[in-house]
Amino acid sequence: MISPLAHIHPNAQIGENVTIDAFAVIQGEVTIGDGTHIMSHAVIMEGSIIGKNCTVYPGAIIGAVPQDLKFVGEKTTAEVGDGSTVRECVTINRGTKDKWRTVVGRNCLLMAYAHIAHDCIIGNNVIIANAVQLAGHVEVGDHAILSGLSGAVQFTRIGAFTYIAGNTVVRKDVPPFVKAAREPMSFAGINSVGLQRNNYSAEKITEISNIYRVLFVEKNTTSTAIEKIESTFSVSPERDSILDFIKSSKTGIIKRPSQSNNEDNIF
């Protein structure tokens, strides 16, 4: 049902079985997929592409222009994938000419007051908790969980199946499958609970743990650790995704805290 009290631009493309509540605002050059629900006082601005079966809660603003002084009005998008939920007062800004779009993947949950800045690329099945703040150009892999009041500085990357502790700041890249916490942020063990929930076997979790033991627990330089991992562990999707992530890092990766030998001591 589309309320007659909603403001919908005639150029907006609205799918079938879409619900738009009273006092929602849908601007022009907007696409909203089938079965999506836009609640009261949400604002969907020009350049927004909302997938199917999404829910956008009151006060959310999708598609506002980037908070970037280099932005000069280029035509860019803010995209939300199918099945995602955008809770109260979430803001998702459009991209700039760096990537031309900001993307939130499929089946994501963005909790209240989270901010997704320009050119962020968020994977599928990601949970971004209350008041998480992502600066521009941040990349987040599939199935990552960012706990409340955490944040990430621009151009950092957060790997797939990671867990970021609450009230922490990502200043370096966080490789896949790990937990990260403390200030400054550092390695806090393998995200074994998240991996188990996603049907990783005990053998595969042990393999991942042993790879990170070489990288973070043994006293190896990063380059030495990479060589040892390549020579010691058989080729596998998990091994290769870890190595590819580390090798492609431009900001460097998080480190293990020097004061502790217990990789799970804070969880």
C-alpha atoms as a PDB file:
ATOM      1  CA  MET A   1       0.000   0.000   0.000  1.00  0.00           C
ATOM      2  CA  ILE A   2       1.245   3.475  -0.865  1.00  0.00           C
ATOM      3  CA  SER A   3      -0.094   6.190   1.395  1.00  0.00           C
ATOM      4  CA  PRO A   4      -1.535   9.271  -0.307  1.00  0.00           C
ATOM      5  CA  LEU A   5       0.361  11.267   2.320  1.00  0.00           C
ATOM      6  CA  ALA A   6       3.742  10.052   1.030  1.00  0.00           C
ATOM      7  CA  HIS A   7       5.667  12.340  -1.323  1.00  0.00           C
ATOM      8  CA  ILE A   8       6.742  10.352  -4.394  1.00  0.00           C
ATOM      9  CA  HIS A   9       8.405  11.979  -7.385  1.00  0.00           C
ATOM     10  CA  PRO A  10       6.763  10.990 -10.677  1.00  0.00           C
ATOM     11  CA  ASN A  11      10.121   9.816 -12.057  1.00  0.00           C
ATOM     12  CA  ALA A  12      10.656   7.299  -9.249  1.00  0.00           C
ATOM     13  CA  GLN A  13      10.398   3.654 -10.312  1.00  0.00           C
ATOM     14  CA  ILE A  14       8.335   1.727  -7.764  1.00  0.00           C
ATOM     15  CA  GLY A  15       8.069  -2.078  -7.985  1.00  0.00           C
ATOM     16  CA  GLU A  16       5.124  -4.293  -7.241  1.00  0.00           C
ATOM     17  CA  ASN A  17       3.709  -4.828  -3.734  1.00  0.00           C
ATOM     18  CA  VAL A  18       5.734  -1.937  -2.332  1.00  0.00           C
ATOM     19  CA  THR A  19       4.544  -0.298   0.887  1.00  0.00           C
ATOM     20  CA  ILE A  20       5.293   3.399   1.384  1.00  0.00           C
ATOM     21  CA  ASP A  21       3.980   4.906   4.607  1.00  0.00           C
ATOM     22  CA  ALA A  22       2.698   8.405   5.226  1.00  0.00           C
ATOM     23  CA  PHE A  23       5.262  11.218   5.183  1.00  0.00           C
ATOM     24  CA  ALA A  24       7.972   9.157   3.509  1.00  0.00           C
ATOM     25  CA  VAL A  25       9.800  11.053   0.750  1.00  0.00           C
ATOM     26  CA  ILE A  26      10.860   9.384  -2.504  1.00  0.00           C
ATOM     27  CA  GLN A  27      12.768  11.677  -4.841  1.00  0.00           C
ATOM     28  CA  GLY A  28      13.325  11.331  -8.593  1.00  0.00           C
ATOM     29  CA  GLU A  29      15.777   8.880 -10.221  1.00  0.00           C
ATOM     30  CA  VAL A  30      15.038   6.372  -7.471  1.00  0.00           C
ATOM     31  CA  THR A  31      14.360   2.668  -7.953  1.00  0.00           C
ATOM     32  CA  ILE A  32      12.561   0.616  -5.294  1.00  0.00           C
ATOM     33  CA  GLY A  33      12.258  -3.149  -5.776  1.00  0.00           C
ATOM     34  CA  ASP A  34       9.255  -5.400  -5.329  1.00  0.00           C
ATOM     35  CA  GLY A  35       7.984  -6.053  -1.830  1.00  0.00           C
ATOM     36  CA  THR A  36      10.019  -3.331  -0.129  1.00  0.00           C
ATOM     37  CA  HIS A  37       8.597  -1.305   2.771  1.00  0.00           C
ATOM     38  CA  ILE A  38       9.573   2.361   3.198  1.00  0.00           C
ATOM     39  CA  MET A  39       8.369   3.576   6.580  1.00  0.00           C
ATOM     40  CA  SER A  40       7.186   6.992   7.681  1.00  0.00           C
ATOM     41  CA  HIS A  41       9.697   9.862   7.540  1.00  0.00           C
ATOM     42  CA  ALA A  42      12.328   7.869   5.655  1.00  0.00           C
ATOM     43  CA  VAL A  43      13.917   9.867   2.820  1.00  0.00           C
ATOM     44  CA  ILE A  44      15.090   8.103  -0.341  1.00  0.00           C
ATOM     45  CA  MET A  45      17.053  10.662  -2.350  1.00  0.00           C
ATOM     46  CA  GLU A  46      18.082  10.843  -5.992  1.00  0.00           C
ATOM     47  CA  GLY A  47      20.460   8.131  -7.102  1.00  0.00           C
ATOM     48  CA  SER A  48      19.146   5.509  -4.676  1.00  0.00           C
ATOM     49  CA  ILE A  49      18.560   1.943  -5.808  1.00  0.00           C
ATOM     50  CA  ILE A  50      16.729  -0.196  -3.237  1.00  0.00           C
ATOM     51  CA  GLY A  51      16.399  -3.929  -3.883  1.00  0.00           C
ATOM     52  CA  LYS A  52      13.510  -6.314  -3.349  1.00  0.00           C
ATOM     53  CA  ASN A  53      11.986  -7.129   0.049  1.00  0.00           C
ATOM     54  CA  CYS A  54      13.948  -4.487   1.934  1.00  0.00           C
ATOM     55  CA  THR A  55      12.700  -2.568   4.970  1.00  0.00           C
ATOM     56  CA  VAL A  56      13.702   1.049   5.568  1.00  0.00           C
ATOM     57  CA  TYR A  57      12.731   2.376   8.996  1.00  0.00           C
ATOM     58  CA  PRO A  58      11.694   5.909  10.044  1.00  0.00           C
ATOM     59  CA  GLY A  59      14.329   8.603   9.872  1.00  0.00           C
ATOM     60  CA  ALA A  60      16.682   6.718   7.561  1.00  0.00           C
ATOM     61  CA  ILE A  61      18.201   8.749   4.713  1.00  0.00           C
ATOM     62  CA  ILE A  62      19.541   6.938   1.674  1.00  0.00           C
ATOM     63  CA  GLY A  63      21.295   8.653  -1.228  1.00  0.00           C
ATOM     64  CA  ALA A  64      22.326  11.998   0.270  1.00  0.00           C
ATOM     65  CA  VAL A  65      25.276  13.623  -1.488  1.00  0.00           C
ATOM     66  CA  PRO A  66      28.711  12.657  -0.141  1.00  0.00           C
ATOM     67  CA  GLN A  67      30.276  14.559   2.728  1.00  0.00           C
ATOM     68  CA  ASP A  68      33.336  15.020   0.542  1.00  0.00           C
ATOM     69  CA  LEU A  69      34.555  18.450  -0.570  1.00  0.00           C
ATOM     70  CA  LYS A  70      35.864  16.937  -3.816  1.00  0.00           C
ATOM     71  CA  PHE A  71      32.333  15.989  -4.862  1.00  0.00           C
ATOM     72  CA  VAL A  72      31.149  18.287  -7.652  1.00  0.00           C
ATOM     73  CA  GLY A  73      27.733  16.845  -8.374  1.00  0.00           C
ATOM     74  CA  GLU A  74      28.688  13.840 -10.478  1.00  0.00           C
ATOM     75  CA  LYS A  75      25.898  11.347 -11.074  1.00  0.00           C
ATOM     76  CA  THR A  76      26.433   8.489  -8.613  1.00  0.00           C
ATOM     77  CA  THR A  77      24.345   5.944  -6.723  1.00  0.00           C
ATOM     78  CA  ALA A  78      23.627   4.496  -3.298  1.00  0.00           C
ATOM     79  CA  GLU A  79      22.548   0.858  -3.604  1.00  0.00           C
ATOM     80  CA  VAL A  80      20.921  -1.484  -1.077  1.00  0.00           C
ATOM     81  CA  GLY A  81      20.673  -5.177  -1.940  1.00  0.00           C
ATOM     82  CA  ASP A  82      17.683  -7.480  -1.729  1.00  0.00           C
ATOM     83  CA  GLY A  83      16.419  -8.436   1.707  1.00  0.00           C
ATOM     84  CA  SER A  84      18.380  -5.833   3.634  1.00  0.00           C
ATOM     85  CA  THR A  85      17.052  -3.921   6.644  1.00  0.00           C
ATOM     86  CA  VAL A  86      17.933  -0.271   7.276  1.00  0.00           C
ATOM     87  CA  ARG A  87      16.951   0.752  10.785  1.00  0.00           C
ATOM     88  CA  GLU A  88      16.107   4.150  12.302  1.00  0.00           C
ATOM     89  CA  CYS A  89      18.235   7.160  11.359  1.00  0.00           C
ATOM     90  CA  VAL A  90      20.760   5.219   9.299  1.00  0.00           C
ATOM     91  CA  THR A  91      22.494   7.342   6.638  1.00  0.00           C
ATOM     92  CA  ILE A  92      23.905   5.928   3.401  1.00  0.00           C
ATOM     93  CA  ASN A  93      25.613   8.498   1.163  1.00  0.00           C
ATOM     94  CA  ARG A  94      26.011   8.273  -2.597  1.00  0.00           C
ATOM     95  CA  GLY A  95      29.380   7.513  -4.157  1.00  0.00           C
ATOM     96  CA  THR A  96      31.871   9.856  -5.782  1.00  0.00           C
ATOM     97  CA  LYS A  97      33.875   9.524  -8.995  1.00  0.00           C
ATOM     98  CA  ASP A  98      36.254   7.192  -7.117  1.00  0.00           C
ATOM     99  CA  LYS A  99      33.848   4.222  -7.371  1.00  0.00           C
ATOM    100  CA  TRP A 100      30.709   6.006  -8.626  1.00  0.00           C
ATOM    101  CA  ARG A 101      28.555   4.159  -6.104  1.00  0.00           C
ATOM    102  CA  THR A 102      28.090   3.151  -2.492  1.00  0.00           C
ATOM    103  CA  VAL A 103      26.896  -0.420  -2.054  1.00  0.00           C
ATOM    104  CA  VAL A 104      25.201  -2.339   0.766  1.00  0.00           C
ATOM    105  CA  GLY A 105      24.853  -6.015  -0.189  1.00  0.00           C
ATOM    106  CA  ARG A 106      22.048  -8.526   0.168  1.00  0.00           C
ATOM    107  CA  ASN A 107      20.467  -9.564   3.487  1.00  0.00           C
ATOM    108  CA  CYS A 108      22.351  -6.991   5.546  1.00  0.00           C
ATOM    109  CA  LEU A 109      21.208  -5.478   8.823  1.00  0.00           C
ATOM    110  CA  LEU A 110      22.150  -1.863   9.463  1.00  0.00           C
ATOM    111  CA  MET A 111      21.108  -0.920  12.985  1.00  0.00           C
ATOM    112  CA  ALA A 112      20.066   2.506  14.236  1.00  0.00           C
ATOM    113  CA  TYR A 113      22.273   5.556  13.655  1.00  0.00           C
ATOM    114  CA  ALA A 114      24.873   3.732  11.555  1.00  0.00           C
ATOM    115  CA  HIS A 115      26.579   5.814   8.861  1.00  0.00           C
ATOM    116  CA  ILE A 116      27.824   4.414   5.557  1.00  0.00           C
ATOM    117  CA  ALA A 117      29.900   7.067   3.799  1.00  0.00           C
ATOM    118  CA  HIS A 118      30.568   7.556   0.105  1.00  0.00           C
ATOM    119  CA  ASP A 119      32.148   4.756  -1.924  1.00  0.00           C
ATOM    120  CA  CYS A 120      31.851   2.135   0.826  1.00  0.00           C
ATOM    121  CA  ILE A 121      31.353  -1.399  -0.463  1.00  0.00           C
ATOM    122  CA  ILE A 122      29.539  -3.654   2.021  1.00  0.00           C
ATOM    123  CA  GLY A 123      29.224  -7.364   1.249  1.00  0.00           C
ATOM    124  CA  ASN A 124      26.309  -9.723   1.771  1.00  0.00           C
ATOM    125  CA  ASN A 125      24.901 -10.871   5.134  1.00  0.00           C
ATOM    126  CA  VAL A 126      26.764  -8.167   7.031  1.00  0.00           C
ATOM    127  CA  ILE A 127      25.574  -6.891  10.420  1.00  0.00           C
ATOM    128  CA  ILE A 128      26.450  -3.291  11.247  1.00  0.00           C
ATOM    129  CA  ALA A 129      25.318  -2.515  14.780  1.00  0.00           C
ATOM    130  CA  ASN A 130      24.085   0.671  16.415  1.00  0.00           C
ATOM    131  CA  ALA A 131      26.031   3.887  15.747  1.00  0.00           C
ATOM    132  CA  VAL A 132      28.800   2.236  13.723  1.00  0.00           C
ATOM    133  CA  GLN A 133      30.512   4.900  11.607  1.00  0.00           C
ATOM    134  CA  LEU A 134      32.240   4.007   8.329  1.00  0.00           C
ATOM    135  CA  ALA A 135      34.297   6.680   6.600  1.00  0.00           C
ATOM    136  CA  GLY A 136      34.597   6.879   2.844  1.00  0.00           C
ATOM    137  CA  HIS A 137      35.953   4.053   0.687  1.00  0.00           C
ATOM    138  CA  VAL A 138      35.728   1.394   3.419  1.00  0.00           C
ATOM    139  CA  GLU A 139      35.218  -2.208   2.240  1.00  0.00           C
ATOM    140  CA  VAL A 140      33.516  -4.855   4.378  1.00  0.00           C
ATOM    141  CA  GLY A 141      33.464  -8.543   3.404  1.00  0.00           C
ATOM    142  CA  ASP A 142      30.556 -10.982   3.506  1.00  0.00           C
ATOM    143  CA  HIS A 143      29.222 -12.124   6.899  1.00  0.00           C
ATOM    144  CA  ALA A 144      31.251  -9.571   8.855  1.00  0.00           C
ATOM    145  CA  ILE A 145      29.844  -8.244  12.151  1.00  0.00           C
ATOM    146  CA  LEU A 146      30.699  -4.734  13.354  1.00  0.00           C
ATOM    147  CA  SER A 147      29.631  -4.189  16.958  1.00  0.00           C
ATOM    148  CA  GLY A 148      28.085  -1.024  18.337  1.00  0.00           C
ATOM    149  CA  LEU A 149      29.989   2.282  18.408  1.00  0.00           C
ATOM    150  CA  SER A 150      32.844   0.893  16.338  1.00  0.00           C
ATOM    151  CA  GLY A 151      34.173   2.749  13.324  1.00  0.00           C
ATOM    152  CA  ALA A 152      36.558   2.528  10.406  1.00  0.00           C
ATOM    153  CA  VAL A 153      38.805   5.212   8.915  1.00  0.00           C
ATOM    154  CA  GLN A 154      38.777   5.817   5.179  1.00  0.00           C
ATOM    155  CA  PHE A 155      40.217   3.270   2.750  1.00  0.00           C
ATOM    156  CA  THR A 156      40.436   0.483   5.333  1.00  0.00           C
ATOM    157  CA  ARG A 157      39.180  -3.035   4.606  1.00  0.00           C
ATOM    158  CA  ILE A 158      37.415  -5.502   6.875  1.00  0.00           C
ATOM    159  CA  GLY A 159      37.576  -9.104   5.690  1.00  0.00           C
ATOM    160  CA  ALA A 160      34.828 -11.692   5.392  1.00  0.00           C
ATOM    161  CA  PHE A 161      33.604 -13.505   8.521  1.00  0.00           C
ATOM    162  CA  THR A 162      35.293 -11.019  10.847  1.00  0.00           C
ATOM    163  CA  TYR A 163      34.041  -9.786  14.208  1.00  0.00           C
ATOM    164  CA  ILE A 164      34.859  -6.196  15.213  1.00  0.00           C
ATOM    165  CA  ALA A 165      34.439  -5.515  18.927  1.00  0.00           C
ATOM    166  CA  GLY A 166      32.314  -2.623  20.145  1.00  0.00           C
ATOM    167  CA  ASN A 167      33.701   0.862  20.716  1.00  0.00           C
ATOM    168  CA  THR A 168      36.826   0.195  18.640  1.00  0.00           C
ATOM    169  CA  VAL A 169      38.392   1.910  15.626  1.00  0.00           C
ATOM    170  CA  VAL A 170      39.647   0.164  12.497  1.00  0.00           C
ATOM    171  CA  ARG A 171      42.787   1.973  11.340  1.00  0.00           C
ATOM    172  CA  LYS A 172      44.447  -0.966   9.584  1.00  0.00           C
ATOM    173  CA  ASP A 173      43.012  -3.737   7.425  1.00  0.00           C
ATOM    174  CA  VAL A 174      41.394  -6.638   9.304  1.00  0.00           C
ATOM    175  CA  PRO A 175      42.026  -9.986   7.530  1.00  0.00           C
ATOM    176  CA  PRO A 176      39.258 -12.560   7.031  1.00  0.00           C
ATOM    177  CA  PHE A 177      37.987 -14.936   9.746  1.00  0.00           C
ATOM    178  CA  VAL A 178      39.382 -13.078  12.781  1.00  0.00           C
ATOM    179  CA  LYS A 179      38.179 -11.129  15.797  1.00  0.00           C
ATOM    180  CA  ALA A 180      39.643  -7.661  16.309  1.00  0.00           C
ATOM    181  CA  ALA A 181      39.479  -5.542  19.444  1.00  0.00           C
ATOM    182  CA  ARG A 182      41.366  -3.273  21.884  1.00  0.00           C
ATOM    183  CA  GLU A 183      42.897   0.186  21.392  1.00  0.00           C
ATOM    184  CA  PRO A 184      44.835   0.313  19.208  1.00  0.00           C
ATOM    185  CA  MET A 185      42.955  -2.438  17.425  1.00  0.00           C
ATOM    186  CA  SER A 186      44.731  -5.783  17.260  1.00  0.00           C
ATOM    187  CA  PHE A 187      44.184  -9.471  16.596  1.00  0.00           C
ATOM    188  CA  ALA A 188      42.004 -11.132  19.249  1.00  0.00           C
ATOM    189  CA  GLY A 189      41.689 -14.664  17.925  1.00  0.00           C
ATOM    190  CA  ILE A 190      39.733 -16.550  15.310  1.00  0.00           C
ATOM    191  CA  ASN A 191      36.035 -15.845  14.865  1.00  0.00           C
ATOM    192  CA  SER A 192      35.293 -19.490  15.590  1.00  0.00           C
ATOM    193  CA  VAL A 193      31.690 -18.862  16.656  1.00  0.00           C
ATOM    194  CA  GLY A 194      30.915 -17.030  13.429  1.00  0.00           C
ATOM    195  CA  LEU A 195      32.576 -19.752  11.384  1.00  0.00           C
ATOM    196  CA  GLN A 196      30.656 -22.494  13.189  1.00  0.00           C
ATOM    197  CA  ARG A 197      27.393 -20.664  12.581  1.00  0.00           C
ATOM    198  CA  ASN A 198      28.240 -20.613   8.887  1.00  0.00           C
ATOM    199  CA  ASN A 199      28.902 -24.363   8.742  1.00  0.00           C
ATOM    200  CA  TYR A 200      32.694 -24.340   8.728  1.00  0.00           C
ATOM    201  CA  SER A 201      34.010 -27.703   9.889  1.00  0.00           C
ATOM    202  CA  ALA A 202      36.210 -28.126  12.945  1.00  0.00           C
ATOM    203  CA  GLU A 203      39.065 -29.150  10.643  1.00  0.00           C
ATOM    204  CA  LYS A 204      38.716 -26.007   8.548  1.00  0.00           C
ATOM    205  CA  ILE A 205      38.578 -23.771  11.635  1.00  0.00           C
ATOM    206  CA  THR A 206      41.745 -25.455  12.929  1.00  0.00           C
ATOM    207  CA  GLU A 207      43.445 -24.820   9.586  1.00  0.00           C
ATOM    208  CA  ILE A 208      42.528 -21.140   9.714  1.00  0.00           C
ATOM    209  CA  SER A 209      43.702 -20.912  13.335  1.00  0.00           C
ATOM    210  CA  ASN A 210      47.051 -22.487  12.460  1.00  0.00           C
ATOM    211  CA  ILE A 211      47.551 -20.064   9.571  1.00  0.00           C
ATOM    212  CA  TYR A 212      46.981 -17.109  11.857  1.00  0.00           C
ATOM    213  CA  ARG A 213      49.256 -18.614  14.477  1.00  0.00           C
ATOM    214  CA  VAL A 214      52.075 -18.300  11.958  1.00  0.00           C
ATOM    215  CA  LEU A 215      51.095 -14.731  11.170  1.00  0.00           C
ATOM    216  CA  PHE A 216      50.285 -13.349  14.612  1.00  0.00           C
ATOM    217  CA  VAL A 217      51.597 -15.652  17.340  1.00  0.00           C
ATOM    218  CA  GLU A 218      54.986 -16.723  16.049  1.00  0.00           C
ATOM    219  CA  LYS A 219      57.563 -13.971  15.897  1.00  0.00           C
ATOM    220  CA  ASN A 220      57.620 -13.675  12.122  1.00  0.00           C
ATOM    221  CA  THR A 221      57.661 -10.595   9.969  1.00  0.00           C
ATOM    222  CA  THR A 222      54.678 -10.355   7.663  1.00  0.00           C
ATOM    223  CA  SER A 223      56.768 -11.267   4.610  1.00  0.00           C
ATOM    224  CA  THR A 224      58.311 -14.255   6.394  1.00  0.00           C
ATOM    225  CA  ALA A 225      54.894 -15.386   7.604  1.00  0.00           C
ATOM    226  CA  ILE A 226      53.520 -15.239   4.054  1.00  0.00           C
ATOM    227  CA  GLU A 227      56.382 -17.391   2.772  1.00  0.00           C
ATOM    228  CA  LYS A 228      55.908 -19.903   5.586  1.00  0.00           C
ATOM    229  CA  ILE A 229      52.140 -20.110   5.064  1.00  0.00           C
ATOM    230  CA  GLU A 230      52.607 -20.676   1.334  1.00  0.00           C
ATOM    231  CA  SER A 231      55.153 -23.441   1.911  1.00  0.00           C
ATOM    232  CA  THR A 232      53.451 -25.125   4.906  1.00  0.00           C
ATOM    233  CA  PHE A 233      49.729 -25.112   4.125  1.00  0.00           C
ATOM    234  CA  SER A 234      48.053 -26.748   1.164  1.00  0.00           C
ATOM    235  CA  VAL A 235      46.163 -24.604  -1.304  1.00  0.00           C
ATOM    236  CA  SER A 236      42.596 -23.942  -0.159  1.00  0.00           C
ATOM    237  CA  PRO A 237      40.048 -21.148  -0.648  1.00  0.00           C
ATOM    238  CA  GLU A 238      40.552 -20.024   2.954  1.00  0.00           C
ATOM    239  CA  ARG A 239      44.352 -20.015   2.799  1.00  0.00           C
ATOM    240  CA  ASP A 240      44.353 -18.165  -0.500  1.00  0.00           C
ATOM    241  CA  SER A 241      41.793 -15.583   0.621  1.00  0.00           C
ATOM    242  CA  ILE A 242      43.931 -14.792   3.666  1.00  0.00           C
ATOM    243  CA  LEU A 243      47.107 -14.490   1.598  1.00  0.00           C
ATOM    244  CA  ASP A 244      45.448 -12.438  -1.136  1.00  0.00           C
ATOM    245  CA  PHE A 245      43.988 -10.075   1.439  1.00  0.00           C
ATOM    246  CA  ILE A 246      47.329  -9.512   3.159  1.00  0.00           C
ATOM    247  CA  LYS A 247      49.292  -9.102  -0.066  1.00  0.00           C
ATOM    248  CA  SER A 248      46.808  -6.564  -1.444  1.00  0.00           C
ATOM    249  CA  SER A 249      46.687  -4.435   1.706  1.00  0.00           C
ATOM    250  CA  LYS A 250      47.663  -0.810   1.138  1.00  0.00           C
ATOM    251  CA  THR A 251      47.281   0.381   4.723  1.00  0.00           C
ATOM    252  CA  GLY A 252      48.873  -2.664   6.375  1.00  0.00           C
ATOM    253  CA  ILE A 253      47.067  -5.175   8.569  1.00  0.00           C
ATOM    254  CA  ILE A 254      46.322  -5.177  12.281  1.00  0.00           C
ATOM    255  CA  LYS A 255      48.904  -6.672  14.627  1.00  0.00           C
ATOM    256  CA  ARG A 256      48.836  -8.986  17.617  1.00  0.00           C
ATOM    257  CA  PRO A 257      49.118  -7.206  21.006  1.00  0.00           C
ATOM    258  CA  SER A 258      52.560  -7.721  22.483  1.00  0.00           C
ATOM    259  CA  GLN A 259      51.362  -7.853  26.085  1.00  0.00           C
ATOM    260  CA  SER A 260      49.317 -11.055  25.762  1.00  0.00           C
ATOM    261  CA  ASN A 261      49.907 -14.629  24.730  1.00  0.00           C
ATOM    262  CA  ASN A 262      46.256 -15.654  25.022  1.00  0.00           C
ATOM    263  CA  GLU A 263      44.578 -15.062  21.675  1.00  0.00           C
ATOM    264  CA  ASP A 264      41.071 -15.246  23.179  1.00  0.00           C
ATOM    265  CA  ASN A 265      41.668 -13.487  26.461  1.00  0.00           C
ATOM    266  CA  ILE A 266      39.036 -10.764  26.028  1.00  0.00           C
ATOM    267  CA  PHE A 267      36.136 -12.891  24.772  1.00  0.00           C
END
